[in-house]
């Protein structure tokens, strides 16, 4: 392994630790954010299904 790979592993571990620390401090906000992301994903999937259905109905 070269120095760049080791440096990337160390930086990744530091970022993971900082993220976990932030999540533990801001748990209610993180839960609200994740619920919002799930709702946004559901809306996007619904729009995709609507577009595919409209294309299939035209044919």
PDB file of N, CA and C in Angstrom:
ATOM      1  N   UNK A   1       0.845  -1.175   0.000  1.00  0.00           N
ATOM      2  CA  UNK A   1       0.000   0.000   0.000  1.00  0.00           C
ATOM      3  C   UNK A   1       0.894   1.243   0.000  1.00  0.00           C
ATOM      4  N   UNK A   2       0.554   2.201  -0.814  1.00  0.00           N
ATOM      5  CA  UNK A   2       1.354   3.417  -0.844  1.00  0.00           C
ATOM      6  C   UNK A   2       0.856   4.425   0.195  1.00  0.00           C
ATOM      7  N   UNK A   3       1.566   5.529   0.298  1.00  0.00           N
ATOM      8  CA  UNK A   3       1.238   6.532   1.326  1.00  0.00           C
ATOM      9  C   UNK A   3      -0.122   7.179   1.076  1.00  0.00           C
ATOM     10  N   UNK A   4      -0.481   7.331  -0.175  1.00  0.00           N
ATOM     11  CA  UNK A   4      -1.769   7.954  -0.488  1.00  0.00           C
ATOM     12  C   UNK A   4      -2.924   7.089   0.005  1.00  0.00           C
ATOM     13  N   UNK A   5      -2.821   5.783  -0.202  1.00  0.00           N
ATOM     14  CA  UNK A   5      -3.878   4.872   0.259  1.00  0.00           C
ATOM     15  C   UNK A   5      -4.023   4.886   1.769  1.00  0.00           C
ATOM     16  N   UNK A   6      -2.889   4.892   2.473  1.00  0.00           N
ATOM     17  CA  UNK A   6      -2.937   4.926   3.932  1.00  0.00           C
ATOM     18  C   UNK A   6      -3.540   6.246   4.408  1.00  0.00           C
ATOM     19  N   UNK A   7      -3.154   7.347   3.749  1.00  0.00           N
ATOM     20  CA  UNK A   7      -3.697   8.655   4.120  1.00  0.00           C
ATOM     21  C   UNK A   7      -5.205   8.698   3.894  1.00  0.00           C
ATOM     22  N   UNK A   8      -5.673   8.111   2.799  1.00  0.00           N
ATOM     23  CA  UNK A   8      -7.113   8.100   2.527  1.00  0.00           C
ATOM     24  C   UNK A   8      -7.862   7.271   3.560  1.00  0.00           C
ATOM     25  N   UNK A   9      -7.271   6.159   3.997  1.00  0.00           N
ATOM     26  CA  UNK A   9      -7.911   5.344   5.034  1.00  0.00           C
ATOM     27  C   UNK A   9      -8.014   6.120   6.336  1.00  0.00           C
ATOM     28  N   UNK A  10      -6.933   6.810   6.706  1.00  0.00           N
ATOM     29  CA  UNK A  10      -6.938   7.584   7.951  1.00  0.00           C
ATOM     30  C   UNK A  10      -7.967   8.707   7.878  1.00  0.00           C
ATOM     31  N   UNK A  11      -8.004   9.438   6.773  1.00  0.00           N
ATOM     32  CA  UNK A  11      -8.965  10.535   6.621  1.00  0.00           C
ATOM     33  C   UNK A  11     -10.389   9.988   6.644  1.00  0.00           C
ATOM     34  N   UNK A  12     -10.622   8.847   5.996  1.00  0.00           N
ATOM     35  CA  UNK A  12     -11.945   8.238   6.007  1.00  0.00           C
ATOM     36  C   UNK A  12     -12.386   7.855   7.408  1.00  0.00           C
ATOM     37  N   UNK A  13     -11.477   7.280   8.184  1.00  0.00           N
ATOM     38  CA  UNK A  13     -11.823   6.910   9.562  1.00  0.00           C
ATOM     39  C   UNK A  13     -12.122   8.139  10.409  1.00  0.00           C
ATOM     40  N   UNK A  14     -11.360   9.212  10.211  1.00  0.00           N
ATOM     41  CA  UNK A  14     -11.613  10.447  10.961  1.00  0.00           C
ATOM     42  C   UNK A  14     -12.981  11.015  10.592  1.00  0.00           C
ATOM     43  N   UNK A  15     -13.310  11.018   9.305  1.00  0.00           N
ATOM     44  CA  UNK A  15     -14.612  11.532   8.874  1.00  0.00           C
ATOM     45  C   UNK A  15     -15.759  10.673   9.400  1.00  0.00           C
ATOM     46  N   UNK A  16     -15.569   9.369   9.416  1.00  0.00           N
ATOM     47  CA  UNK A  16     -16.607   8.477   9.966  1.00  0.00           C
ATOM     48  C   UNK A  16     -16.809   8.764  11.450  1.00  0.00           C
ATOM     49  N   UNK A  17     -15.703   8.927  12.189  1.00  0.00           N
ATOM     50  CA  UNK A  17     -15.813   9.216  13.617  1.00  0.00           C
ATOM     51  C   UNK A  17     -16.515  10.551  13.851  1.00  0.00           C
ATOM     52  N   UNK A  18     -16.171  11.563  13.055  1.00  0.00           N
ATOM     53  CA  UNK A  18     -16.812  12.876  13.200  1.00  0.00           C
ATOM     54  C   UNK A  18     -18.303  12.790  12.867  1.00  0.00           C
ATOM     55  N   UNK A  19     -18.651  12.009  11.854  1.00  0.00           N
ATOM     56  CA  UNK A  19     -20.053  11.838  11.486  1.00  0.00           C
ATOM     57  C   UNK A  19     -20.855  11.141  12.564  1.00  0.00           C
ATOM     58  N   UNK A  20     -20.284  10.090  13.138  1.00  0.00           N
ATOM     59  CA  UNK A  20     -20.984   9.375  14.213  1.00  0.00           C
ATOM     60  C   UNK A  20     -21.151  10.284  15.429  1.00  0.00           C
ATOM     61  N   UNK A  21     -20.129  11.081  15.742  1.00  0.00           N
ATOM     62  CA  UNK A  21     -20.217  12.020  16.861  1.00  0.00           C
ATOM     63  C   UNK A  21     -21.311  13.058  16.603  1.00  0.00           C
ATOM     64  N   UNK A  22     -21.384  13.568  15.384  1.00  0.00           N
ATOM     65  CA  UNK A  22     -22.416  14.542  15.035  1.00  0.00           C
ATOM     66  C   UNK A  22     -23.811  13.949  15.092  1.00  0.00           C
ATOM     67  N   UNK A  23     -23.942  12.706  14.654  1.00  0.00           N
ATOM     68  CA  UNK A  23     -25.249  12.048  14.683  1.00  0.00           C
ATOM     69  C   UNK A  23     -25.721  11.865  16.122  1.00  0.00           C
ATOM     70  N   UNK A  24     -24.803  11.510  17.024  1.00  0.00           N
ATOM     71  CA  UNK A  24     -25.204  11.315  18.417  1.00  0.00           C
ATOM     72  C   UNK A  24     -25.615  12.633  19.064  1.00  0.00           C
ATOM     73  N   UNK A  25     -25.030  13.741  18.635  1.00  0.00           N
ATOM     74  CA  UNK A  25     -25.393  15.041  19.207  1.00  0.00           C
ATOM     75  C   UNK A  25     -26.710  15.568  18.653  1.00  0.00           C
ATOM     76  N   UNK A  26     -26.984  15.265  17.397  1.00  0.00           N
ATOM     77  CA  UNK A  26     -28.144  15.861  16.713  1.00  0.00           C
ATOM     78  C   UNK A  26     -29.151  14.803  16.289  1.00  0.00           C
ATOM     79  N   UNK A  27     -29.437  13.856  17.138  1.00  0.00           N
ATOM     80  CA  UNK A  27     -30.294  12.732  16.772  1.00  0.00           C
ATOM     81  C   UNK A  27     -31.676  13.161  16.259  1.00  0.00           C
ATOM     82  N   UNK A  28     -32.407  14.070  16.926  1.00  0.00           N
ATOM     83  CA  UNK A  28     -33.739  14.426  16.392  1.00  0.00           C
ATOM     84  C   UNK A  28     -33.679  15.058  15.005  1.00  0.00           C
ATOM     85  N   UNK A  29     -32.679  15.917  14.779  1.00  0.00           N
ATOM     86  CA  UNK A  29     -32.553  16.545  13.468  1.00  0.00           C
ATOM     87  C   UNK A  29     -32.187  15.528  12.402  1.00  0.00           C
ATOM     88  N   UNK A  30     -31.340  14.562  12.749  1.00  0.00           N
ATOM     89  CA  UNK A  30     -30.942  13.528  11.798  1.00  0.00           C
ATOM     90  C   UNK A  30     -32.142  12.670  11.425  1.00  0.00           C
ATOM     91  N   UNK A  31     -32.962  12.319  12.401  1.00  0.00           N
ATOM     92  CA  UNK A  31     -34.158  11.512  12.127  1.00  0.00           C
ATOM     93  C   UNK A  31     -35.109  12.281  11.211  1.00  0.00           C
ATOM     94  N   UNK A  32     -35.309  13.559  11.484  1.00  0.00           N
ATOM     95  CA  UNK A  32     -36.176  14.382  10.636  1.00  0.00           C
ATOM     96  C   UNK A  32     -35.638  14.455   9.216  1.00  0.00           C
ATOM     97  N   UNK A  33     -34.320  14.626   9.087  1.00  0.00           N
ATOM     98  CA  UNK A  33     -33.683  14.692   7.773  1.00  0.00           C
ATOM     99  C   UNK A  33     -33.867  13.380   7.010  1.00  0.00           C
ATOM    100  N   UNK A  34     -33.659  12.250   7.687  1.00  0.00           N
ATOM    101  CA  UNK A  34     -33.799  10.954   7.020  1.00  0.00           C
ATOM    102  C   UNK A  34     -35.233  10.701   6.594  1.00  0.00           C
ATOM    103  N   UNK A  35     -36.199  11.094   7.432  1.00  0.00           N
ATOM    104  CA  UNK A  35     -37.609  10.947   7.052  1.00  0.00           C
ATOM    105  C   UNK A  35     -37.909  11.800   5.823  1.00  0.00           C
ATOM    106  N   UNK A  36     -37.366  13.001   5.796  1.00  0.00           N
ATOM    107  CA  UNK A  36     -37.539  13.866   4.628  1.00  0.00           C
ATOM    108  C   UNK A  36     -36.940  13.263   3.373  1.00  0.00           C
ATOM    109  N   UNK A  37     -35.761  12.654   3.509  1.00  0.00           N
ATOM    110  CA  UNK A  37     -35.136  12.011   2.348  1.00  0.00           C
ATOM    111  C   UNK A  37     -35.971  10.845   1.838  1.00  0.00           C
ATOM    112  N   UNK A  38     -36.520  10.068   2.756  1.00  0.00           N
ATOM    113  CA  UNK A  38     -37.353   8.931   2.353  1.00  0.00           C
ATOM    114  C   UNK A  38     -38.600   9.427   1.627  1.00  0.00           C
ATOM    115  N   UNK A  39     -39.208  10.485   2.147  1.00  0.00           N
ATOM    116  CA  UNK A  39     -40.403  11.034   1.488  1.00  0.00           C
ATOM    117  C   UNK A  39     -40.063  11.580   0.111  1.00  0.00           C
ATOM    118  N   UNK A  40     -38.913  12.235  -0.015  1.00  0.00           N
ATOM    119  CA  UNK A  40     -38.492  12.754  -1.317  1.00  0.00           C
ATOM    120  C   UNK A  40     -38.251  11.620  -2.301  1.00  0.00           C
ATOM    121  N   UNK A  41     -37.650  10.544  -1.842  1.00  0.00           N
ATOM    122  CA  UNK A  41     -37.406   9.394  -2.709  1.00  0.00           C
ATOM    123  C   UNK A  41     -38.720   8.779  -3.159  1.00  0.00           C
ATOM    124  N   UNK A  42     -39.705   8.722  -2.274  1.00  0.00           N
ATOM    125  CA  UNK A  42     -41.012   8.170  -2.636  1.00  0.00           C
ATOM    126  C   UNK A  42     -41.679   9.031  -3.704  1.00  0.00           C
ATOM    127  N   UNK A  43     -41.580  10.348  -3.559  1.00  0.00           N
ATOM    128  CA  UNK A  43     -42.167  11.246  -4.561  1.00  0.00           C
ATOM    129  C   UNK A  43     -41.484  11.064  -5.911  1.00  0.00           C
ATOM    130  N   UNK A  44     -40.156  10.967  -5.920  1.00  0.00           N
ATOM    131  CA  UNK A  44     -39.429  10.798  -7.183  1.00  0.00           C
ATOM    132  C   UNK A  44     -39.782   9.459  -7.833  1.00  0.00           C
ATOM    133  N   UNK A  45     -39.880   8.405  -7.036  1.00  0.00           N
ATOM    134  CA  UNK A  45     -40.268   7.098  -7.582  1.00  0.00           C
ATOM    135  C   UNK A  45     -41.684   7.161  -8.144  1.00  0.00           C
ATOM    136  N   UNK A  46     -42.582   7.834  -7.436  1.00  0.00           N
ATOM    137  CA  UNK A  46     -43.952   7.982  -7.920  1.00  0.00           C
ATOM    138  C   UNK A  46     -44.018   8.731  -9.238  1.00  0.00           C
ATOM    139  N   UNK A  47     -43.220   9.800  -9.365  1.00  0.00           N
ATOM    140  CA  UNK A  47     -43.192  10.538 -10.630  1.00  0.00           C
ATOM    141  C   UNK A  47     -42.630   9.675 -11.754  1.00  0.00           C
ATOM    142  N   UNK A  48     -41.626   8.879 -11.448  1.00  0.00           N
ATOM    143  CA  UNK A  48     -41.073   7.981 -12.462  1.00  0.00           C
ATOM    144  C   UNK A  48     -42.092   6.963 -12.936  1.00  0.00           C
ATOM    145  N   UNK A  49     -42.832   6.397 -11.998  1.00  0.00           N
ATOM    146  CA  UNK A  49     -43.873   5.423 -12.361  1.00  0.00           C
ATOM    147  C   UNK A  49     -44.962   6.101 -13.189  1.00  0.00           C
ATOM    148  N   UNK A  50     -45.310   7.332 -12.836  1.00  0.00           N
ATOM    149  CA  UNK A  50     -46.310   8.085 -13.589  1.00  0.00           C
ATOM    150  C   UNK A  50     -45.855   8.315 -15.026  1.00  0.00           C
ATOM    151  N   UNK A  51     -44.598   8.695 -15.209  1.00  0.00           N
ATOM    152  CA  UNK A  51     -44.075   8.948 -16.557  1.00  0.00           C
ATOM    153  C   UNK A  51     -44.036   7.654 -17.364  1.00  0.00           C
ATOM    154  N   UNK A  52     -43.575   6.579 -16.757  1.00  0.00           N
ATOM    155  CA  UNK A  52     -43.520   5.293 -17.467  1.00  0.00           C
ATOM    156  C   UNK A  52     -44.928   4.841 -17.827  1.00  0.00           C
ATOM    157  N   UNK A  53     -45.879   5.013 -16.919  1.00  0.00           N
ATOM    158  CA  UNK A  53     -47.265   4.645 -17.214  1.00  0.00           C
ATOM    159  C   UNK A  53     -47.844   5.466 -18.354  1.00  0.00           C
ATOM    160  N   UNK A  54     -47.521   6.768 -18.380  1.00  0.00           N
ATOM    161  CA  UNK A  54     -48.016   7.616 -19.464  1.00  0.00           C
ATOM    162  C   UNK A  54     -47.411   7.199 -20.797  1.00  0.00           C
ATOM    163  N   UNK A  55     -46.140   6.852 -20.805  1.00  0.00           N
ATOM    164  CA  UNK A  55     -45.505   6.409 -22.048  1.00  0.00           C
ATOM    165  C   UNK A  55     -46.101   5.092 -22.516  1.00  0.00           C
ATOM    166  N   UNK A  56     -46.361   4.177 -21.585  1.00  0.00           N
ATOM    167  CA  UNK A  56     -46.935   2.889 -21.958  1.00  0.00           C
ATOM    168  C   UNK A  56     -48.381   3.042 -22.423  1.00  0.00           C
ATOM    169  N   UNK A  57     -49.103   4.007 -21.855  1.00  0.00           N
ATOM    170  CA  UNK A  57     -50.505   4.199 -22.253  1.00  0.00           C
ATOM    171  C   UNK A  57     -50.602   4.773 -23.662  1.00  0.00           C
ATOM    172  N   UNK A  58     -49.591   5.553 -24.080  1.00  0.00           N
ATOM    173  CA  UNK A  58     -49.620   6.133 -25.421  1.00  0.00           C
ATOM    174  C   UNK A  58     -49.436   5.074 -26.499  1.00  0.00           C
ATOM    175  N   UNK A  59     -48.713   4.014 -26.182  1.00  0.00           N
ATOM    176  CA  UNK A  59     -48.405   3.001 -27.202  1.00  0.00           C
ATOM    177  C   UNK A  59     -49.507   2.054 -27.455  1.00  0.00           C
TER     178      UNK A  59
END
